[in-house]
C-alpha atoms as a PDB file:
ATOM      1  CA  MET A   1       0.000   0.000   0.000  1.00  0.00           C
ATOM      2  CA  LYS A   2       2.901   2.347   0.741  1.00  0.00           C
ATOM      3  CA  ASN A   3       4.221   1.858  -2.801  1.00  0.00           C
ATOM      4  CA  ILE A   4       0.793   2.635  -4.276  1.00  0.00           C
ATOM      5  CA  LEU A   5       0.424   5.749  -2.115  1.00  0.00           C
ATOM      6  CA  ARG A   6       3.945   6.890  -2.980  1.00  0.00           C
ATOM      7  CA  THR A   7       3.232   6.228  -6.667  1.00  0.00           C
ATOM      8  CA  ALA A   8      -0.042   8.162  -6.472  1.00  0.00           C
ATOM      9  CA  LEU A   9       1.778  11.108  -4.876  1.00  0.00           C
ATOM     10  CA  ILE A  10       4.501  11.000  -7.526  1.00  0.00           C
ATOM     11  CA  LEU A  11       1.880  10.753 -10.274  1.00  0.00           C
ATOM     12  CA  GLY A  12      -0.057  13.644  -8.749  1.00  0.00           C
ATOM     13  CA  ALA A  13       3.081  15.780  -8.559  1.00  0.00           C
ATOM     14  CA  ALA A  14       3.994  14.897 -12.142  1.00  0.00           C
ATOM     15  CA  LEU A  15       0.540  15.925 -13.369  1.00  0.00           C
ATOM     16  CA  LEU A  16       0.185  19.081 -11.263  1.00  0.00           C
ATOM     17  CA  PRO A  17       1.507  21.533 -13.894  1.00  0.00           C
ATOM     18  CA  ALA A  18      -0.654  19.935 -16.615  1.00  0.00           C
ATOM     19  CA  ALA A  19      -3.733  19.910 -14.380  1.00  0.00           C
ATOM     20  CA  HIS A  20      -3.294  23.597 -13.569  1.00  0.00           C
ATOM     21  CA  ALA A  21      -2.858  24.429 -17.249  1.00  0.00           C
ATOM     22  CA  GLN A  22      -6.024  22.590 -18.250  1.00  0.00           C
ATOM     23  CA  LEU A  23      -8.147  24.731 -15.937  1.00  0.00           C
ATOM     24  CA  LEU A  24      -7.301  28.081 -17.535  1.00  0.00           C
ATOM     25  CA  PRO A  25     -10.374  30.062 -18.670  1.00  0.00           C
ATOM     26  CA  GLY A  26     -11.174  29.620 -22.344  1.00  0.00           C
ATOM     27  CA  GLU A  27      -9.038  26.478 -22.705  1.00  0.00           C
ATOM     28  CA  ASP A  28     -10.473  23.145 -23.811  1.00  0.00           C
ATOM     29  CA  PRO A  29     -10.134  20.372 -21.211  1.00  0.00           C
ATOM     30  CA  VAL A  30      -7.319  17.885 -21.773  1.00  0.00           C
ATOM     31  CA  ALA A  31      -7.574  14.260 -20.623  1.00  0.00           C
ATOM     32  CA  LEU A  32      -4.720  13.486 -18.221  1.00  0.00           C
ATOM     33  CA  GLY A  33      -5.019   9.709 -18.209  1.00  0.00           C
ATOM     34  CA  PRO A  34      -5.959   6.656 -20.220  1.00  0.00           C
ATOM     35  CA  LEU A  35      -9.562   7.110 -21.400  1.00  0.00           C
ATOM     36  CA  GLY A  36     -10.368   9.195 -18.312  1.00  0.00           C
ATOM     37  CA  GLY A  37     -11.820   7.674 -15.158  1.00  0.00           C
ATOM     38  CA  SER A  38      -9.988   5.958 -12.336  1.00  0.00           C
ATOM     39  CA  ALA A  39      -7.068   3.577 -12.299  1.00  0.00           C
ATOM     40  CA  THR A  40      -7.065   0.514 -10.039  1.00  0.00           C
ATOM     41  CA  SER A  41      -3.270   0.298 -10.061  1.00  0.00           C
ATOM     42  CA  VAL A  42      -0.554   2.846 -10.829  1.00  0.00           C
ATOM     43  CA  LEU A  43       3.171   2.122 -11.007  1.00  0.00           C
ATOM     44  CA  THR A  44       6.223   4.205 -11.841  1.00  0.00           C
ATOM     45  CA  THR A  45       9.535   2.757 -12.914  1.00  0.00           C
ATOM     46  CA  PRO A  46      12.208   3.467 -10.263  1.00  0.00           C
ATOM     47  CA  GLY A  47      14.712   5.996 -11.566  1.00  0.00           C
ATOM     48  CA  VAL A  48      12.518   6.814 -14.579  1.00  0.00           C
ATOM     49  CA  PRO A  49       9.780   9.174 -13.339  1.00  0.00           C
ATOM     50  CA  THR A  50       8.432   9.688 -16.858  1.00  0.00           C
ATOM     51  CA  SER A  51       7.550   5.960 -17.133  1.00  0.00           C
ATOM     52  CA  ILE A  52       4.092   5.430 -15.627  1.00  0.00           C
ATOM     53  CA  TYR A  53       1.904   2.327 -15.880  1.00  0.00           C
ATOM     54  CA  ALA A  54      -1.813   2.616 -15.103  1.00  0.00           C
ATOM     55  CA  PHE A  55      -4.445  -0.119 -15.129  1.00  0.00           C
ATOM     56  CA  LYS A  56      -8.002   1.056 -15.659  1.00  0.00           C
ATOM     57  CA  TYR A  57     -10.607  -1.478 -14.553  1.00  0.00           C
ATOM     58  CA  THR A  58     -12.263  -3.126 -17.589  1.00  0.00           C
ATOM     59  CA  GLN A  59     -10.211  -0.959 -19.971  1.00  0.00           C
ATOM     60  CA  GLY A  60      -6.773  -2.531 -19.570  1.00  0.00           C
ATOM     61  CA  LEU A  61      -3.171  -1.549 -19.014  1.00  0.00           C
ATOM     62  CA  PHE A  62      -1.690   1.709 -20.295  1.00  0.00           C
ATOM     63  CA  HIS A  63       1.854   3.074 -20.302  1.00  0.00           C
ATOM     64  CA  SER A  64       3.115   6.649 -20.444  1.00  0.00           C
ATOM     65  CA  THR A  65       6.671   7.574 -21.364  1.00  0.00           C
ATOM     66  CA  ASP A  66       6.096  11.314 -20.968  1.00  0.00           C
ATOM     67  CA  GLY A  67       5.157  11.555 -17.290  1.00  0.00           C
ATOM     68  CA  GLY A  68       1.433  11.022 -17.821  1.00  0.00           C
ATOM     69  CA  LEU A  69       0.733  13.475 -20.635  1.00  0.00           C
ATOM     70  CA  SER A  70      -0.259  10.621 -22.932  1.00  0.00           C
ATOM     71  CA  PHE A  71      -0.831   6.884 -22.517  1.00  0.00           C
ATOM     72  CA  ASP A  72      -0.612   3.967 -24.939  1.00  0.00           C
ATOM     73  CA  PRO A  73      -2.466   0.658 -24.417  1.00  0.00           C
ATOM     74  CA  LEU A  74      -0.458  -2.440 -23.469  1.00  0.00           C
ATOM     75  CA  GLY A  75      -1.174  -5.816 -21.968  1.00  0.00           C
ATOM     76  CA  VAL A  76      -2.008  -8.486 -24.532  1.00  0.00           C
ATOM     77  CA  GLY A  77      -3.203 -11.516 -22.562  1.00  0.00           C
ATOM     78  CA  LEU A  78      -4.946  -9.649 -19.719  1.00  0.00           C
ATOM     79  CA  SER A  79      -8.694  -9.976 -19.176  1.00  0.00           C
ATOM     80  CA  GLY A  80      -9.481  -6.316 -18.502  1.00  0.00           C
ATOM     81  CA  PHE A  81     -10.291  -7.191 -14.895  1.00  0.00           C
ATOM     82  CA  ALA A  82      -6.689  -7.439 -13.699  1.00  0.00           C
ATOM     83  CA  ASP A  83      -5.474  -5.542 -10.674  1.00  0.00           C
ATOM     84  CA  ASP A  84      -2.405  -4.822  -8.551  1.00  0.00           C
ATOM     85  CA  LEU A  85       0.486  -4.261 -10.905  1.00  0.00           C
ATOM     86  CA  THR A  86       4.050  -4.645  -9.586  1.00  0.00           C
ATOM     87  CA  GLN A  87       7.580  -4.765 -11.024  1.00  0.00           C
ATOM     88  CA  ASP A  88      10.419  -7.164 -10.403  1.00  0.00           C
ATOM     89  CA  PRO A  89      12.864  -5.146  -8.269  1.00  0.00           C
ATOM     90  CA  ALA A  90      15.838  -6.555 -10.180  1.00  0.00           C
ATOM     91  CA  ALA A  91      14.447  -6.308 -13.734  1.00  0.00           C
ATOM     92  CA  PHE A  92      12.123  -3.377 -14.386  1.00  0.00           C
ATOM     93  CA  ASN A  93      10.947  -4.817 -17.708  1.00  0.00           C
ATOM     94  CA  VAL A  94       9.364  -7.746 -15.804  1.00  0.00           C
ATOM     95  CA  LEU A  95       5.850  -6.880 -14.613  1.00  0.00           C
ATOM     96  CA  TYR A  96       3.359  -8.938 -12.621  1.00  0.00           C
ATOM     97  CA  MET A  97      -0.414  -8.504 -12.278  1.00  0.00           C
ATOM     98  CA  VAL A  98      -3.180 -10.433 -10.605  1.00  0.00           C
ATOM     99  CA  ASP A  99      -5.870 -11.242 -13.178  1.00  0.00           C
ATOM    100  CA  GLY A 100      -8.885 -13.071 -11.832  1.00  0.00           C
ATOM    101  CA  VAL A 101      -7.594 -16.242 -10.176  1.00  0.00           C
ATOM    102  CA  GLN A 102      -4.166 -16.121 -11.847  1.00  0.00           C
ATOM    103  CA  VAL A 103      -0.888 -14.257 -11.509  1.00  0.00           C
ATOM    104  CA  MET A 104       0.264 -12.957 -14.883  1.00  0.00           C
ATOM    105  CA  ARG A 105       3.840 -12.075 -15.881  1.00  0.00           C
ATOM    106  CA  SER A 106       5.227  -9.892 -18.628  1.00  0.00           C
ATOM    107  CA  VAL A 107       8.910 -10.062 -19.549  1.00  0.00           C
ATOM    108  CA  ASP A 108       8.606  -7.328 -22.201  1.00  0.00           C
ATOM    109  CA  ALA A 109       7.622  -4.279 -20.099  1.00  0.00           C
ATOM    110  CA  GLY A 110       3.892  -4.978 -20.289  1.00  0.00           C
ATOM    111  CA  PHE A 111       3.362  -5.636 -23.987  1.00  0.00           C
ATOM    112  CA  THR A 112       2.326  -9.276 -23.448  1.00  0.00           C
ATOM    113  CA  PHE A 113       1.356 -11.290 -20.362  1.00  0.00           C
ATOM    114  CA  SER A 114       1.234 -15.029 -19.674  1.00  0.00           C
ATOM    115  CA  PRO A 115      -0.098 -16.914 -16.634  1.00  0.00           C
ATOM    116  CA  LEU A 116       2.124 -18.318 -13.906  1.00  0.00           C
ATOM    117  CA  GLY A 117       1.451 -21.525 -11.965  1.00  0.00           C
ATOM    118  CA  LEU A 118      -1.125 -20.221  -9.471  1.00  0.00           C
ATOM    119  CA  SER A 119      -4.822 -20.847  -9.961  1.00  0.00           C
ATOM    120  CA  ALA A 120      -6.376 -19.540  -6.754  1.00  0.00           C
ATOM    121  CA  PRO A 121      -9.773 -20.634  -5.393  1.00  0.00           C
ATOM    122  CA  GLU A 122     -10.936 -17.000  -5.158  1.00  0.00           C
ATOM    123  CA  THR A 123     -10.319 -13.875  -7.233  1.00  0.00           C
ATOM    124  CA  LEU A 124      -6.866 -12.527  -6.395  1.00  0.00           C
ATOM    125  CA  LYS A 125      -6.665  -9.032  -4.956  1.00  0.00           C
ATOM    126  CA  SER A 126      -3.014  -8.312  -4.291  1.00  0.00           C
ATOM    127  CA  MET A 127       0.549  -9.477  -4.858  1.00  0.00           C
ATOM    128  CA  ASP A 128       4.112  -8.530  -4.016  1.00  0.00           C
ATOM    129  CA  ILE A 129       7.564  -9.704  -5.049  1.00  0.00           C
ATOM    130  CA  GLN A 130      10.365  -9.566  -2.523  1.00  0.00           C
ATOM    131  CA  ASP A 131      13.633  -9.727  -4.352  1.00  0.00           C
ATOM    132  CA  PRO A 132      15.456 -11.138  -7.374  1.00  0.00           C
ATOM    133  CA  SER A 133      15.285 -14.651  -5.889  1.00  0.00           C
ATOM    134  CA  GLY A 134      11.689 -14.855  -7.096  1.00  0.00           C
ATOM    135  CA  VAL A 135       9.897 -15.042  -3.735  1.00  0.00           C
ATOM    136  CA  MET A 136       6.309 -13.834  -4.255  1.00  0.00           C
ATOM    137  CA  LEU A 137       3.108 -13.476  -2.296  1.00  0.00           C
ATOM    138  CA  ALA A 138      -0.422 -13.275  -3.711  1.00  0.00           C
ATOM    139  CA  SER A 139      -3.691 -12.994  -1.815  1.00  0.00           C
ATOM    140  CA  ASP A 140      -7.369 -13.449  -2.391  1.00  0.00           C
ATOM    141  CA  ALA A 141     -10.016 -12.534   0.182  1.00  0.00           C
ATOM    142  CA  PHE A 142      -9.263 -15.578   2.387  1.00  0.00           C
ATOM    143  CA  ASN A 143      -5.808 -16.961   1.487  1.00  0.00           C
ATOM    144  CA  ILE A 144      -2.186 -15.922   1.139  1.00  0.00           C
ATOM    145  CA  HIS A 145      -0.216 -17.894  -1.442  1.00  0.00           C
ATOM    146  CA  ARG A 146       3.602 -17.991  -1.610  1.00  0.00           C
ATOM    147  CA  SER A 147       5.994 -18.931  -4.382  1.00  0.00           C
ATOM    148  CA  THR A 148       9.743 -19.358  -3.948  1.00  0.00           C
ATOM    149  CA  ASP A 149      10.504 -20.219  -7.575  1.00  0.00           C
ATOM    150  CA  GLY A 150       9.395 -17.155  -9.517  1.00  0.00           C
ATOM    151  CA  GLY A 151       5.742 -18.187  -9.684  1.00  0.00           C
ATOM    152  CA  ALA A 152       6.088 -21.674 -11.156  1.00  0.00           C
ATOM    153  CA  THR A 153       4.610 -23.324  -8.051  1.00  0.00           C
ATOM    154  CA  TRP A 154       2.581 -21.905  -5.155  1.00  0.00           C
ATOM    155  CA  THR A 155       1.698 -22.963  -1.611  1.00  0.00           C
ATOM    156  CA  THR A 156      -1.127 -21.579   0.506  1.00  0.00           C
ATOM    157  CA  VAL A 157       0.659 -20.305   3.605  1.00  0.00           C
ATOM    158  CA  HIS A 158      -2.217 -18.605   5.431  1.00  0.00           C
ATOM    159  CA  ALA A 159      -5.978 -19.025   5.340  1.00  0.00           C
ATOM    160  CA  VAL A 160      -8.788 -17.346   7.225  1.00  0.00           C
ATOM    161  CA  VAL A 161     -12.251 -18.818   7.763  1.00  0.00           C
ATOM    162  CA  PRO A 162     -14.387 -17.679   4.804  1.00  0.00           C
ATOM    163  CA  PHE A 163     -17.066 -15.240   5.918  1.00  0.00           C
ATOM    164  CA  GLY A 164     -15.816 -15.462   9.517  1.00  0.00           C
ATOM    165  CA  GLY A 165     -15.400 -11.705   9.767  1.00  0.00           C
ATOM    166  CA  THR A 166     -11.837 -11.453   8.451  1.00  0.00           C
ATOM    167  CA  VAL A 167     -11.142 -10.577   4.836  1.00  0.00           C
ATOM    168  CA  LEU A 168      -7.694 -10.012   3.355  1.00  0.00           C
ATOM    169  CA  ASP A 169      -7.249  -6.865   1.263  1.00  0.00           C
ATOM    170  CA  ASP A 170      -3.522  -6.583   0.618  1.00  0.00           C
ATOM    171  CA  VAL A 171      -0.281  -8.516   0.979  1.00  0.00           C
ATOM    172  CA  GLN A 172       3.225  -7.038   1.155  1.00  0.00           C
ATOM    173  CA  PHE A 173       6.664  -7.992   2.329  1.00  0.00           C
ATOM    174  CA  ALA A 174       7.796  -6.007   5.370  1.00  0.00           C
END
């Protein structure tokens, strides 16, 4: 969640001059994001503040190389209902997203995605990757799944009683 908040703040700061300019009297409004609306996941590439990825629910994944002034569609292989985009900390061209009950991986900076070995019992909500060794976590509403081999195999490492009052929203490495 901290990464998403930090990314949102960075994105907001990057768009501030453009947002101010679009509100001048007599000017036509300018869309500041992919197809307008809200993004369910936003990610910036570390060290490259002009590289911004945004996933708009049902519309897909978009990428900006100009700090958010324009976005191009990406993400062949995603359903349009994916969520929680993250990057491999050792290889910024490797992206991961949760898409329904699967974890998807892109090795070409988001152009194409393919499923990894997890097929969760519930719709996945969140994921995180720890380090270059390929240790990952993914969660649905009631389970946390862990992979130690880059997503090829997964083990459920924590489960809560479904509808017992506890629901998982997010998973992150400390």
